[in-house]
N, C-alpha and C. Protein backbone atom coordinates (compact mmCIF):
# COMPACT_ATOMS: atom_id res chain seq x y z
N MET A 1 90.72 55.91 73.44
CA MET A 1 92.11 56.64 73.12
C MET A 1 92.68 55.68 72.16
N THR A 2 92.99 56.69 70.84
CA THR A 2 94.22 55.70 70.19
C THR A 2 95.25 55.72 70.64
N ARG A 3 96.10 54.54 70.39
CA ARG A 3 97.54 54.33 70.70
C ARG A 3 98.12 55.22 69.27
N SER A 4 99.28 56.10 69.41
CA SER A 4 100.13 56.58 68.64
C SER A 4 100.57 55.17 67.99
N LEU A 5 100.98 54.98 67.01
CA LEU A 5 102.50 53.91 66.64
C LEU A 5 103.48 54.27 67.75
N GLN A 6 103.99 55.36 67.49
CA GLN A 6 105.12 55.66 68.65
C GLN A 6 105.04 54.64 69.45
N ASN A 7 103.66 54.69 70.52
CA ASN A 7 103.91 54.21 71.92
C ASN A 7 103.19 52.71 71.60
N THR A 8 103.13 52.04 70.22
CA THR A 8 102.46 50.78 70.60
C THR A 8 103.77 50.10 70.46
N PRO A 9 103.77 48.98 71.46
CA PRO A 9 105.08 48.10 71.56
C PRO A 9 105.23 47.18 70.63
N LEU A 10 106.74 47.09 69.60
CA LEU A 10 106.60 45.87 68.62
C LEU A 10 106.95 44.52 69.31
N LEU A 11 106.00 43.54 68.35
CA LEU A 11 106.13 42.06 68.69
C LEU A 11 107.28 41.79 68.03
N ALA A 12 108.03 40.66 68.85
CA ALA A 12 109.44 40.31 68.25
C ALA A 12 109.28 39.66 66.78
N GLY A 13 110.06 40.35 66.07
CA GLY A 13 110.01 39.96 64.52
C GLY A 13 109.14 40.93 63.63
N PHE A 14 108.64 41.71 64.27
CA PHE A 14 107.36 42.21 63.79
C PHE A 14 108.01 44.16 63.47
N GLY A 15 107.78 44.61 62.71
CA GLY A 15 107.51 45.90 62.88
C GLY A 15 106.80 46.87 62.97
N PRO A 16 107.23 48.70 62.74
CA PRO A 16 106.19 49.18 63.46
C PRO A 16 105.03 49.38 62.57
N VAL A 17 104.85 48.72 61.59
CA VAL A 17 103.70 48.69 60.85
C VAL A 17 103.00 48.17 61.10
N CYS A 18 103.34 46.75 61.31
CA CYS A 18 102.73 45.21 61.21
C CYS A 18 102.21 45.31 63.02
N SER A 19 102.91 45.46 63.39
CA SER A 19 103.03 45.40 65.07
C SER A 19 101.15 45.91 65.62
N PRO A 20 101.45 47.21 65.11
CA PRO A 20 99.75 48.04 65.19
C PRO A 20 98.96 47.21 65.29
N GLU A 21 99.03 46.66 63.88
CA GLU A 21 97.94 45.67 63.03
C GLU A 21 97.49 44.68 63.90
N LEU A 22 98.49 43.78 64.45
CA LEU A 22 98.68 42.30 65.28
C LEU A 22 98.28 42.67 66.13
N HIS A 23 98.54 43.99 67.26
CA HIS A 23 97.90 44.36 68.63
C HIS A 23 96.36 44.66 68.36
N ALA A 24 95.79 45.35 67.34
CA ALA A 24 94.30 45.20 66.97
C ALA A 24 93.42 44.02 67.14
N VAL A 25 94.32 43.49 66.37
CA VAL A 25 93.60 41.94 66.88
C VAL A 25 93.74 41.28 67.69
N GLY A 26 94.18 41.70 68.66
CA GLY A 26 93.87 41.03 70.03
C GLY A 26 95.53 39.70 70.18
N ILE A 27 96.04 40.64 69.11
CA ILE A 27 97.58 39.81 68.92
C ILE A 27 98.94 40.46 70.02
N HIS A 28 99.51 40.45 70.94
CA HIS A 28 99.61 41.15 71.99
C HIS A 28 101.31 40.62 72.19
N SER A 29 101.61 38.96 72.16
CA SER A 29 102.61 38.49 72.24
C SER A 29 103.18 37.67 71.30
N VAL A 30 104.08 37.22 71.18
CA VAL A 30 104.37 35.65 70.26
C VAL A 30 104.17 34.88 71.15
N ALA A 31 103.73 34.59 72.08
CA ALA A 31 103.02 33.78 72.75
C ALA A 31 101.50 33.40 72.61
N ARG A 32 101.10 34.13 72.04
CA ARG A 32 99.80 34.37 71.65
C ARG A 32 99.66 34.02 70.24
N ILE A 33 100.48 33.79 69.63
CA ILE A 33 100.98 33.62 68.25
C ILE A 33 101.05 32.08 68.11
N GLU A 34 101.68 31.83 69.45
CA GLU A 34 101.43 30.23 69.60
C GLU A 34 100.19 29.32 70.22
N GLU A 35 99.79 30.12 70.88
CA GLU A 35 98.64 29.37 71.21
C GLU A 35 97.86 29.54 70.37
N LEU A 36 97.61 30.56 69.67
CA LEU A 36 96.73 30.17 67.87
C LEU A 36 97.02 29.40 66.88
N GLY A 37 98.34 29.27 66.82
CA GLY A 37 99.32 28.56 65.59
C GLY A 37 99.04 29.43 64.75
N TRP A 38 100.16 29.67 63.73
CA TRP A 38 100.48 30.68 62.91
C TRP A 38 99.46 30.79 62.28
N GLN A 39 98.42 29.58 61.31
CA GLN A 39 97.23 29.56 60.62
C GLN A 39 96.30 30.84 60.93
N GLU A 40 96.04 30.49 62.05
CA GLU A 40 94.78 30.92 62.91
C GLU A 40 95.28 32.59 63.02
N ALA A 41 96.41 32.67 63.73
CA ALA A 41 96.74 34.11 64.05
C ALA A 41 96.59 35.12 62.72
N TYR A 42 97.31 34.56 61.49
CA TYR A 42 97.27 35.44 60.11
C TYR A 42 95.95 35.14 59.73
N LEU A 43 95.43 34.27 60.17
CA LEU A 43 94.03 34.56 59.58
C LEU A 43 93.01 35.35 60.32
N CYS A 44 93.72 35.81 61.54
CA CYS A 44 93.30 37.49 62.29
C CYS A 44 93.72 38.36 61.70
N TRP A 45 94.96 38.56 61.33
CA TRP A 45 95.44 39.67 60.70
C TRP A 45 95.10 39.98 59.96
N VAL A 46 94.90 39.27 58.96
CA VAL A 46 94.81 39.40 57.64
C VAL A 46 92.80 39.40 57.19
N ALA A 47 92.14 39.45 57.99
CA ALA A 47 90.64 39.89 57.80
C ALA A 47 90.21 41.16 58.44
N ARG A 48 91.51 41.70 58.84
CA ARG A 48 91.21 43.22 59.46
C ARG A 48 91.99 43.91 58.69
N SER A 49 93.76 43.51 58.24
CA SER A 49 94.78 44.13 57.28
C SER A 49 94.90 43.09 56.06
N PRO A 50 93.83 43.32 55.01
CA PRO A 50 94.34 42.04 54.04
C PRO A 50 95.20 42.86 53.15
N ALA A 51 95.87 43.95 52.95
CA ALA A 51 97.30 43.81 52.54
C ALA A 51 98.25 43.23 53.00
N ARG A 52 98.21 42.43 54.00
CA ARG A 52 99.44 41.14 54.40
C ARG A 52 98.64 39.70 53.96
N ILE A 53 98.53 39.59 53.13
CA ILE A 53 98.21 38.51 52.25
C ILE A 53 99.33 38.57 51.35
N ASN A 54 100.37 37.78 51.79
CA ASN A 54 101.90 37.89 51.11
C ASN A 54 102.47 36.98 51.86
N VAL A 55 103.26 36.14 51.29
CA VAL A 55 104.38 35.21 51.65
C VAL A 55 105.26 36.00 52.37
N ASN A 56 105.87 37.01 52.16
CA ASN A 56 106.33 37.23 53.35
C ASN A 56 105.75 37.26 54.78
N ALA A 57 104.53 37.97 54.52
CA ALA A 57 103.94 37.56 56.22
C ALA A 57 103.51 37.02 56.98
N ALA A 58 103.08 35.96 55.96
CA ALA A 58 103.54 34.27 56.33
C ALA A 58 104.67 34.15 57.02
N TYR A 59 105.51 34.30 56.19
CA TYR A 59 106.80 33.88 56.97
C TYR A 59 107.15 34.37 58.11
N GLU A 60 106.94 35.74 58.67
CA GLU A 60 107.11 36.46 59.81
C GLU A 60 106.01 35.45 60.98
N MET A 61 104.83 35.37 60.57
CA MET A 61 104.00 34.71 61.20
C MET A 61 104.65 33.38 62.13
N ILE A 62 104.99 32.48 60.73
CA ILE A 62 105.29 31.09 60.88
C ILE A 62 106.93 31.25 61.84
N ALA A 63 107.73 32.40 61.46
CA ALA A 63 109.16 32.29 62.04
C ALA A 63 108.84 33.04 63.94
N ALA A 64 107.80 33.61 63.85
CA ALA A 64 107.23 34.55 65.00
C ALA A 64 106.86 32.81 66.13
N GLU A 65 106.16 32.57 65.48
CA GLU A 65 105.87 31.01 66.43
C GLU A 65 107.01 30.11 67.05
N ARG A 66 107.68 30.20 66.01
CA ARG A 66 108.93 28.84 66.32
C ARG A 66 110.29 29.97 67.28
N TRP A 67 110.10 31.03 67.48
CA TRP A 67 110.96 31.76 67.29
C TRP A 67 112.06 31.98 67.06
N ILE A 68 112.17 32.30 66.06
CA ILE A 68 113.25 32.15 65.17
C ILE A 68 113.26 33.30 63.87
N SER A 69 114.49 33.66 63.52
CA SER A 69 114.11 34.61 62.24
C SER A 69 113.79 33.98 60.89
N TRP A 70 112.53 34.96 60.57
CA TRP A 70 112.80 34.27 59.23
C TRP A 70 113.31 33.77 58.22
N LEU A 71 114.63 34.17 58.16
CA LEU A 71 115.58 33.80 57.49
C LEU A 71 116.11 32.02 57.92
N ASP A 72 115.50 31.71 58.40
CA ASP A 72 116.17 30.37 59.13
C ASP A 72 115.06 29.91 59.09
N LEU A 73 113.96 30.05 58.34
CA LEU A 73 112.59 28.85 58.09
C LEU A 73 113.24 27.89 57.11
N SER A 74 112.95 27.09 57.57
CA SER A 74 113.39 25.49 56.95
C SER A 74 112.72 25.48 55.18
N ALA A 75 113.38 24.97 53.91
CA ALA A 75 111.96 25.05 52.58
C ALA A 75 110.68 24.59 53.15
N ALA A 76 110.50 23.68 53.45
CA ALA A 76 109.04 22.63 54.40
C ALA A 76 108.30 23.87 54.39
N ASP A 77 108.58 24.83 55.64
CA ASP A 77 107.94 25.91 56.19
C ASP A 77 107.58 27.03 55.00
N LYS A 78 108.63 27.35 54.41
CA LYS A 78 108.34 28.19 53.28
C LYS A 78 107.17 27.85 52.24
N ALA A 79 107.32 26.72 52.30
CA ALA A 79 106.46 25.85 51.26
C ALA A 79 105.11 26.02 51.37
N ARG A 80 104.98 25.75 52.62
CA ARG A 80 103.51 25.78 53.49
C ARG A 80 102.94 27.50 53.41
N ALA A 81 103.94 28.40 53.94
CA ALA A 81 103.55 29.19 53.49
C ALA A 81 103.05 29.45 52.22
N ARG A 82 103.59 29.61 50.89
CA ARG A 82 103.14 30.00 49.73
C ARG A 82 102.10 29.35 49.53
N SER A 83 101.78 28.13 49.76
CA SER A 83 100.56 27.52 49.33
C SER A 83 99.16 28.01 50.51
N PHE A 84 99.26 27.92 51.79
CA PHE A 84 98.28 28.53 52.41
C PHE A 84 98.24 29.96 51.98
N VAL A 85 98.89 30.78 51.49
CA VAL A 85 98.93 32.33 50.60
C VAL A 85 98.11 32.00 49.47
N ALA A 86 98.92 31.06 48.81
CA ALA A 86 98.05 31.01 47.87
C ALA A 86 96.40 30.52 47.40
N ARG A 87 95.85 29.75 47.99
CA ARG A 87 94.90 29.34 48.51
C ARG A 87 93.74 30.76 49.66
N LEU A 88 94.70 31.46 49.70
CA LEU A 88 93.70 32.87 50.35
C LEU A 88 93.70 33.66 49.30
N GLY A 89 93.99 33.43 48.20
CA GLY A 89 94.35 34.18 47.23
C GLY A 89 93.07 34.31 46.20
N LYS A 90 92.75 32.60 46.34
CA LYS A 90 91.65 32.01 45.45
C LYS A 90 90.71 31.90 46.47
N LYS A 91 90.44 32.76 47.31
CA LYS A 91 89.26 32.55 48.26
C LYS A 91 88.90 34.02 49.00
N SER A 92 87.24 34.23 48.88
CA SER A 92 87.25 35.51 49.75
C SER A 92 87.37 35.66 51.40
N LEU A 93 87.70 36.23 52.43
CA LEU A 93 88.21 36.31 53.32
C LEU A 93 86.82 35.95 54.24
N GLY A 94 85.46 36.16 53.47
CA GLY A 94 84.09 35.71 54.53
C GLY A 94 83.98 34.61 54.28
N SER A 95 84.64 33.28 53.45
CA SER A 95 83.85 32.22 53.18
C SER A 95 85.57 31.52 54.19
N LEU A 96 86.18 32.40 54.63
CA LEU A 96 87.23 31.69 55.64
C LEU A 96 86.93 31.34 56.77
N GLU A 97 86.06 31.97 57.62
CA GLU A 97 85.76 32.22 59.09
C GLU A 97 84.50 31.28 59.19
């Protein structure tokens, strides 16, 4: 049975569209993002939801891993996210696995 969006618990820092996408790839908590690391968690997410290959989604993943708002990310974290997303845009997802 599929869960409706309405019944999907929200992950801290993620809204009603992204939370179900994260649940679908086995990311049910911020603790899971910490376990995987933001890059691995992000790769799992974008492999299933390629529309999330964008800097804002990467910012949210880093912020979640650190338990902060994306507004509080350092310039260095933002630069890492931009670089990672740029590299993804140049590769096919199949070559990242």
